[in-house]
Amino acid sequence: MSSETAALTDPAAIALHALIKTGLGPGQSVAVVGCGAIGLLAIQWAKVMGASRVVGVDIQKPAIDLAIAAGARSSINTAIRLVRAGGEAVFIGIPPGDIVFELPTFEHLLRQEVKLHGSWNSFSAPFPGREWQATLEAFRKGTVKTDFLITHRLEIAELPATFEKLRTRAEFSSKILFHA
C-alpha cells in the first residue's frame, strides 16, 4: 500500500472501533452525522459490515460531496433524533464546545430507549487489536479507500500557513498530508 494510505490507518481504525461498539449487522441502516474524514471512513466500514442503507449527513457541501464519493457536521441533537426506537448511536471526536441536549432530544432518548456509546480509541486489547488488522486488510483488498479523503498534499514549509487556515476555517479540508 502507499505511504499515504498507511498514514490513514489510525483514522480508519477509529471509525471501525466505533462501529464495532454498536450492534451493526447486515441489512441494518446507518446514518453518519458529520462527514469529516472519520465519518467518511465510517460510511465505508458500514457498507463493508453489510449495512443495507448508509446515509451521510453534513452541513458543508464539500463534505457532502466527499460523503457521496465514500458511498453514502451536524449536531449531536440531530444524530440522536435520527436513531430509531431501541437503536444505537456512537459518538467519536472532540466537540468544539459544550454539548447541550435540547429537550426534544432528551425526550427522544428516553422515550425511544436509545443507547449511546462513546468511542475514543482506534484499537481494542491487545494492541493493535482487530481494528488495525482489519483496516490493513481492507486497505490491501481495496474495500476501504483513502485517496479521495486527501484534499491537500503539502510541503512541511506550508505547515504554519495551513494551521492558520484551519484555525480560521478559511478553506475546506478533509485530510492534509505533509511531505518532507
C-alpha atoms as a PDB file:
ATOM      1  CA  MET A   1       0.000   0.000   0.000  1.00  0.00           C
ATOM      2  CA  SER A   2       1.103   3.569  -0.480  1.00  0.00           C
ATOM      3  CA  SER A   3       2.570   5.595   2.365  1.00  0.00           C
ATOM      4  CA  GLU A   4      -0.412   7.964   2.028  1.00  0.00           C
ATOM      5  CA  THR A   5      -2.862   5.110   2.599  1.00  0.00           C
ATOM      6  CA  ALA A   6      -0.782   3.813   5.511  1.00  0.00           C
ATOM      7  CA  ALA A   7      -0.928   7.283   7.093  1.00  0.00           C
ATOM      8  CA  LEU A   8      -4.712   6.896   7.349  1.00  0.00           C
ATOM      9  CA  THR A   9      -4.622   3.599   9.254  1.00  0.00           C
ATOM     10  CA  ASP A  10      -5.396   5.211  12.621  1.00  0.00           C
ATOM     11  CA  PRO A  11      -8.439   7.252  11.465  1.00  0.00           C
ATOM     12  CA  ALA A  12      -9.820   4.227   9.608  1.00  0.00           C
ATOM     13  CA  ALA A  13      -9.356   2.064  12.709  1.00  0.00           C
ATOM     14  CA  ILE A  14     -11.063   4.739  14.848  1.00  0.00           C
ATOM     15  CA  ALA A  15     -14.139   4.576  12.593  1.00  0.00           C
ATOM     16  CA  LEU A  16     -14.177   0.777  12.704  1.00  0.00           C
ATOM     17  CA  HIS A  17     -13.722   0.722  16.508  1.00  0.00           C
ATOM     18  CA  ALA A  18     -16.777   2.973  16.883  1.00  0.00           C
ATOM     19  CA  LEU A  19     -18.964   0.791  14.678  1.00  0.00           C
ATOM     20  CA  ILE A  20     -17.868  -2.364  16.463  1.00  0.00           C
ATOM     21  CA  LYS A  21     -19.272  -0.839  19.696  1.00  0.00           C
ATOM     22  CA  THR A  22     -22.756  -0.964  18.159  1.00  0.00           C
ATOM     23  CA  GLY A  23     -24.802  -3.938  17.131  1.00  0.00           C
ATOM     24  CA  LEU A  24     -24.383  -3.125  13.438  1.00  0.00           C
ATOM     25  CA  GLY A  25     -25.073  -6.108  11.259  1.00  0.00           C
ATOM     26  CA  PRO A  26     -26.071  -6.989   7.715  1.00  0.00           C
ATOM     27  CA  GLY A  27     -29.260  -5.363   6.488  1.00  0.00           C
ATOM     28  CA  GLN A  28     -29.346  -2.531   9.013  1.00  0.00           C
ATOM     29  CA  SER A  29     -29.494   1.179   8.238  1.00  0.00           C
ATOM     30  CA  VAL A  30     -26.790   3.608   9.344  1.00  0.00           C
ATOM     31  CA  ALA A  31     -26.668   7.407   9.474  1.00  0.00           C
ATOM     32  CA  VAL A  32     -23.266   9.027   9.759  1.00  0.00           C
ATOM     33  CA  VAL A  33     -23.678  12.562  11.075  1.00  0.00           C
ATOM     34  CA  GLY A  34     -20.562  14.530  10.257  1.00  0.00           C
ATOM     35  CA  CYS A  35     -18.715  13.696   7.054  1.00  0.00           C
ATOM     36  CA  GLY A  36     -15.190  14.585   8.043  1.00  0.00           C
ATOM     37  CA  ALA A  37     -12.501  12.013   7.323  1.00  0.00           C
ATOM     38  CA  ILE A  38     -13.509   9.639  10.130  1.00  0.00           C
ATOM     39  CA  GLY A  39     -17.179   9.935   9.175  1.00  0.00           C
ATOM     40  CA  LEU A  40     -16.301   9.143   5.566  1.00  0.00           C
ATOM     41  CA  LEU A  41     -14.346   6.115   6.720  1.00  0.00           C
ATOM     42  CA  ALA A  42     -17.314   5.080   8.906  1.00  0.00           C
ATOM     43  CA  ILE A  43     -19.542   5.225   5.822  1.00  0.00           C
ATOM     44  CA  GLN A  44     -17.236   2.800   4.056  1.00  0.00           C
ATOM     45  CA  TRP A  45     -16.951   0.491   7.081  1.00  0.00           C
ATOM     46  CA  ALA A  46     -20.749   0.407   7.465  1.00  0.00           C
ATOM     47  CA  LYS A  47     -21.005  -0.802   3.878  1.00  0.00           C
ATOM     48  CA  VAL A  48     -18.253  -3.387   4.441  1.00  0.00           C
ATOM     49  CA  MET A  49     -20.129  -4.593   7.559  1.00  0.00           C
ATOM     50  CA  GLY A  50     -23.240  -5.186   5.468  1.00  0.00           C
ATOM     51  CA  ALA A  51     -25.406  -2.135   6.156  1.00  0.00           C
ATOM     52  CA  SER A  52     -28.172  -2.048   3.567  1.00  0.00           C
ATOM     53  CA  ARG A  53     -28.601   1.717   3.732  1.00  0.00           C
ATOM     54  CA  VAL A  54     -25.961   4.286   4.682  1.00  0.00           C
ATOM     55  CA  VAL A  55     -26.816   7.986   4.862  1.00  0.00           C
ATOM     56  CA  GLY A  56     -24.220  10.725   5.304  1.00  0.00           C
ATOM     57  CA  VAL A  57     -25.374  13.974   6.921  1.00  0.00           C
ATOM     58  CA  ASP A  58     -23.367  17.206   6.975  1.00  0.00           C
ATOM     59  CA  ILE A  59     -23.862  20.941   6.675  1.00  0.00           C
ATOM     60  CA  GLN A  60     -20.905  21.670   4.396  1.00  0.00           C
ATOM     61  CA  LYS A  61     -21.353  20.999   0.665  1.00  0.00           C
ATOM     62  CA  PRO A  62     -17.734  19.844   0.134  1.00  0.00           C
ATOM     63  CA  ALA A  63     -18.171  17.293   2.951  1.00  0.00           C
ATOM     64  CA  ILE A  64     -21.392  16.021   1.392  1.00  0.00           C
ATOM     65  CA  ASP A  65     -19.613  15.652  -1.960  1.00  0.00           C
ATOM     66  CA  LEU A  66     -16.936  13.552  -0.248  1.00  0.00           C
ATOM     67  CA  ALA A  67     -19.654  11.512   1.500  1.00  0.00           C
ATOM     68  CA  ILE A  68     -21.067  10.665  -1.901  1.00  0.00           C
ATOM     69  CA  ALA A  69     -17.585   9.575  -3.007  1.00  0.00           C
ATOM     70  CA  ALA A  70     -17.391   7.346   0.094  1.00  0.00           C
ATOM     71  CA  GLY A  71     -20.675   5.751  -0.847  1.00  0.00           C
ATOM     72  CA  ALA A  72     -23.287   7.137   1.125  1.00  0.00           C
ATOM     73  CA  ARG A  73     -21.467  18.252  10.677  1.00  0.00           C
ATOM     74  CA  SER A  74     -24.406  18.237  12.073  1.00  0.00           C
ATOM     75  CA  SER A  75     -25.332  18.452  15.719  1.00  0.00           C
ATOM     76  CA  ILE A  76     -25.364  15.762  18.332  1.00  0.00           C
ATOM     77  CA  ASN A  77     -29.053  16.513  18.806  1.00  0.00           C
ATOM     78  CA  THR A  78     -29.755  15.647  15.177  1.00  0.00           C
ATOM     79  CA  ALA A  79     -27.754  12.435  15.461  1.00  0.00           C
ATOM     80  CA  ILE A  80     -29.720  11.257  18.496  1.00  0.00           C
ATOM     81  CA  ARG A  81     -33.072  12.145  16.911  1.00  0.00           C
ATOM     82  CA  LEU A  82     -32.208  10.062  13.847  1.00  0.00           C
ATOM     83  CA  VAL A  83     -31.952   6.893  15.928  1.00  0.00           C
ATOM     84  CA  ARG A  84     -34.918   4.537  15.697  1.00  0.00           C
ATOM     85  CA  ALA A  85     -36.615   3.127  18.801  1.00  0.00           C
ATOM     86  CA  GLY A  86     -34.208   0.815  20.574  1.00  0.00           C
ATOM     87  CA  GLY A  87     -31.399   1.861  18.244  1.00  0.00           C
ATOM     88  CA  GLU A  88     -27.870   2.937  18.985  1.00  0.00           C
ATOM     89  CA  ALA A  89     -25.681   5.983  18.462  1.00  0.00           C
ATOM     90  CA  VAL A  90     -21.926   6.106  18.848  1.00  0.00           C
ATOM     91  CA  PHE A  91     -20.037   9.372  19.204  1.00  0.00           C
ATOM     92  CA  ILE A  92     -16.483   9.939  18.011  1.00  0.00           C
ATOM     93  CA  GLY A  93     -14.301  13.031  18.196  1.00  0.00           C
ATOM     94  CA  ILE A  94     -13.960  16.177  20.209  1.00  0.00           C
ATOM     95  CA  PRO A  95     -16.829  18.672  20.082  1.00  0.00           C
ATOM     96  CA  PRO A  96     -15.943  22.332  19.528  1.00  0.00           C
ATOM     97  CA  GLY A  97     -17.745  23.444  22.692  1.00  0.00           C
ATOM     98  CA  ASP A  98     -20.214  22.469  25.370  1.00  0.00           C
ATOM     99  CA  ILE A  99     -22.784  19.836  24.489  1.00  0.00           C
ATOM    100  CA  VAL A 100     -26.398  20.734  25.177  1.00  0.00           C
ATOM    101  CA  PHE A 101     -29.185  18.204  24.802  1.00  0.00           C
ATOM    102  CA  GLU A 102     -32.303  20.015  23.680  1.00  0.00           C
ATOM    103  CA  LEU A 103     -35.485  18.919  25.467  1.00  0.00           C
ATOM    104  CA  PRO A 104     -36.927  17.143  22.377  1.00  0.00           C
ATOM    105  CA  THR A 105     -33.621  15.281  22.008  1.00  0.00           C
ATOM    106  CA  PHE A 106     -33.648  14.174  25.626  1.00  0.00           C
ATOM    107  CA  GLU A 107     -37.290  13.101  25.342  1.00  0.00           C
ATOM    108  CA  HIS A 108     -36.436  11.072  22.210  1.00  0.00           C
ATOM    109  CA  LEU A 109     -33.510   9.474  24.022  1.00  0.00           C
ATOM    110  CA  LEU A 110     -35.756   8.424  26.908  1.00  0.00           C
ATOM    111  CA  ARG A 111     -38.976   7.529  25.102  1.00  0.00           C
ATOM    112  CA  GLN A 112     -37.258   5.600  22.305  1.00  0.00           C
ATOM    113  CA  GLU A 113     -34.791   3.970  24.717  1.00  0.00           C
ATOM    114  CA  VAL A 114     -31.835   4.953  22.550  1.00  0.00           C
ATOM    115  CA  LYS A 115     -28.455   3.527  23.545  1.00  0.00           C
ATOM    116  CA  LEU A 116     -25.496   5.929  23.458  1.00  0.00           C
ATOM    117  CA  HIS A 117     -21.871   4.851  23.121  1.00  0.00           C
ATOM    118  CA  GLY A 118     -18.711   6.861  23.359  1.00  0.00           C
ATOM    119  CA  SER A 119     -15.701   5.847  21.313  1.00  0.00           C
ATOM    120  CA  TRP A 120     -12.200   7.190  21.728  1.00  0.00           C
ATOM    121  CA  ASN A 121      -9.618   4.625  20.680  1.00  0.00           C
ATOM    122  CA  SER A 122      -8.630   3.089  17.393  1.00  0.00           C
ATOM    123  CA  PHE A 123      -7.924  -0.313  18.873  1.00  0.00           C
ATOM    124  CA  SER A 124      -9.059  -2.978  21.276  1.00  0.00           C
ATOM    125  CA  ALA A 125      -6.879  -5.080  23.539  1.00  0.00           C
ATOM    126  CA  PRO A 126      -4.414  -6.485  22.983  1.00  0.00           C
ATOM    127  CA  PHE A 127      -2.804  -3.737  20.896  1.00  0.00           C
ATOM    128  CA  PRO A 128      -3.143  -3.227  17.978  1.00  0.00           C
ATOM    129  CA  GLY A 129      -6.397  -5.139  18.226  1.00  0.00           C
ATOM    130  CA  ARG A 130      -8.646  -6.354  15.463  1.00  0.00           C
ATOM    131  CA  GLU A 131      -9.352  -2.827  14.196  1.00  0.00           C
ATOM    132  CA  TRP A 132      -5.812  -2.189  12.917  1.00  0.00           C
ATOM    133  CA  GLN A 133      -5.557  -5.673  11.453  1.00  0.00           C
ATOM    134  CA  ALA A 134      -8.935  -5.345   9.696  1.00  0.00           C
ATOM    135  CA  THR A 135      -8.020  -1.872   8.446  1.00  0.00           C
ATOM    136  CA  LEU A 136      -4.745  -3.004   6.912  1.00  0.00           C
ATOM    137  CA  GLU A 137      -6.530  -5.949   5.282  1.00  0.00           C
ATOM    138  CA  ALA A 138      -9.282  -3.678   3.907  1.00  0.00           C
ATOM    139  CA  PHE A 139      -6.639  -1.317   2.512  1.00  0.00           C
ATOM    140  CA  ARG A 140      -4.851  -4.270   0.919  1.00  0.00           C
ATOM    141  CA  LYS A 141      -8.066  -5.549  -0.680  1.00  0.00           C
ATOM    142  CA  GLY A 142      -9.247  -2.054  -1.658  1.00  0.00           C
ATOM    143  CA  THR A 143     -12.569  -2.386   0.182  1.00  0.00           C
ATOM    144  CA  VAL A 144     -11.825   0.803   2.155  1.00  0.00           C
ATOM    145  CA  LYS A 145     -10.429   3.605   0.011  1.00  0.00           C
ATOM    146  CA  THR A 146      -8.453   6.645   1.102  1.00  0.00           C
ATOM    147  CA  ASP A 147      -7.310   8.587  -1.962  1.00  0.00           C
ATOM    148  CA  PHE A 148     -10.409  10.774  -2.143  1.00  0.00           C
ATOM    149  CA  LEU A 149     -10.039  11.738   1.551  1.00  0.00           C
ATOM    150  CA  ILE A 150      -6.752  13.554   0.996  1.00  0.00           C
ATOM    151  CA  THR A 151      -7.699  17.085  -0.002  1.00  0.00           C
ATOM    152  CA  HIS A 152      -4.222  18.602   0.417  1.00  0.00           C
ATOM    153  CA  ARG A 153      -0.688  17.295  -0.171  1.00  0.00           C
ATOM    154  CA  LEU A 154       1.706  19.932   1.108  1.00  0.00           C
ATOM    155  CA  GLU A 155       5.356  20.534   1.928  1.00  0.00           C
ATOM    156  CA  ILE A 156       6.412  20.920   5.569  1.00  0.00           C
ATOM    157  CA  ALA A 157       7.228  24.592   4.906  1.00  0.00           C
ATOM    158  CA  GLU A 158       3.482  25.178   4.388  1.00  0.00           C
ATOM    159  CA  LEU A 159       2.627  23.966   7.910  1.00  0.00           C
ATOM    160  CA  PRO A 160       2.293  27.383   9.689  1.00  0.00           C
ATOM    161  CA  ALA A 161       0.066  28.881   6.985  1.00  0.00           C
ATOM    162  CA  THR A 162      -2.025  25.705   6.866  1.00  0.00           C
ATOM    163  CA  PHE A 163      -2.611  25.748  10.626  1.00  0.00           C
ATOM    164  CA  GLU A 164      -3.804  29.342  10.330  1.00  0.00           C
ATOM    165  CA  LYS A 165      -6.238  28.357   7.572  1.00  0.00           C
ATOM    166  CA  LEU A 166      -7.504  25.502   9.743  1.00  0.00           C
ATOM    167  CA  ARG A 167      -7.884  27.790  12.760  1.00  0.00           C
ATOM    168  CA  THR A 168      -9.933  30.306  10.785  1.00  0.00           C
ATOM    169  CA  ARG A 169     -11.649  27.647   8.645  1.00  0.00           C
ATOM    170  CA  ALA A 170     -10.561  29.641   5.595  1.00  0.00           C
ATOM    171  CA  GLU A 171     -10.970  26.647   3.310  1.00  0.00           C
ATOM    172  CA  PHE A 172     -12.401  23.148   3.389  1.00  0.00           C
ATOM    173  CA  SER A 173     -10.145  20.207   4.079  1.00  0.00           C
ATOM    174  CA  SER A 174     -10.605  16.558   4.904  1.00  0.00           C
ATOM    175  CA  LYS A 175      -7.140  15.072   5.416  1.00  0.00           C
ATOM    176  CA  ILE A 176      -3.966  17.035   4.913  1.00  0.00           C
ATOM    177  CA  LEU A 177      -0.719  15.161   4.342  1.00  0.00           C
ATOM    178  CA  PHE A 178       2.628  16.864   4.753  1.00  0.00           C
ATOM    179  CA  HIS A 179       5.614  15.529   2.839  1.00  0.00           C
ATOM    180  CA  ALA A 180       9.203  16.246   3.806  1.00  0.00           C
END
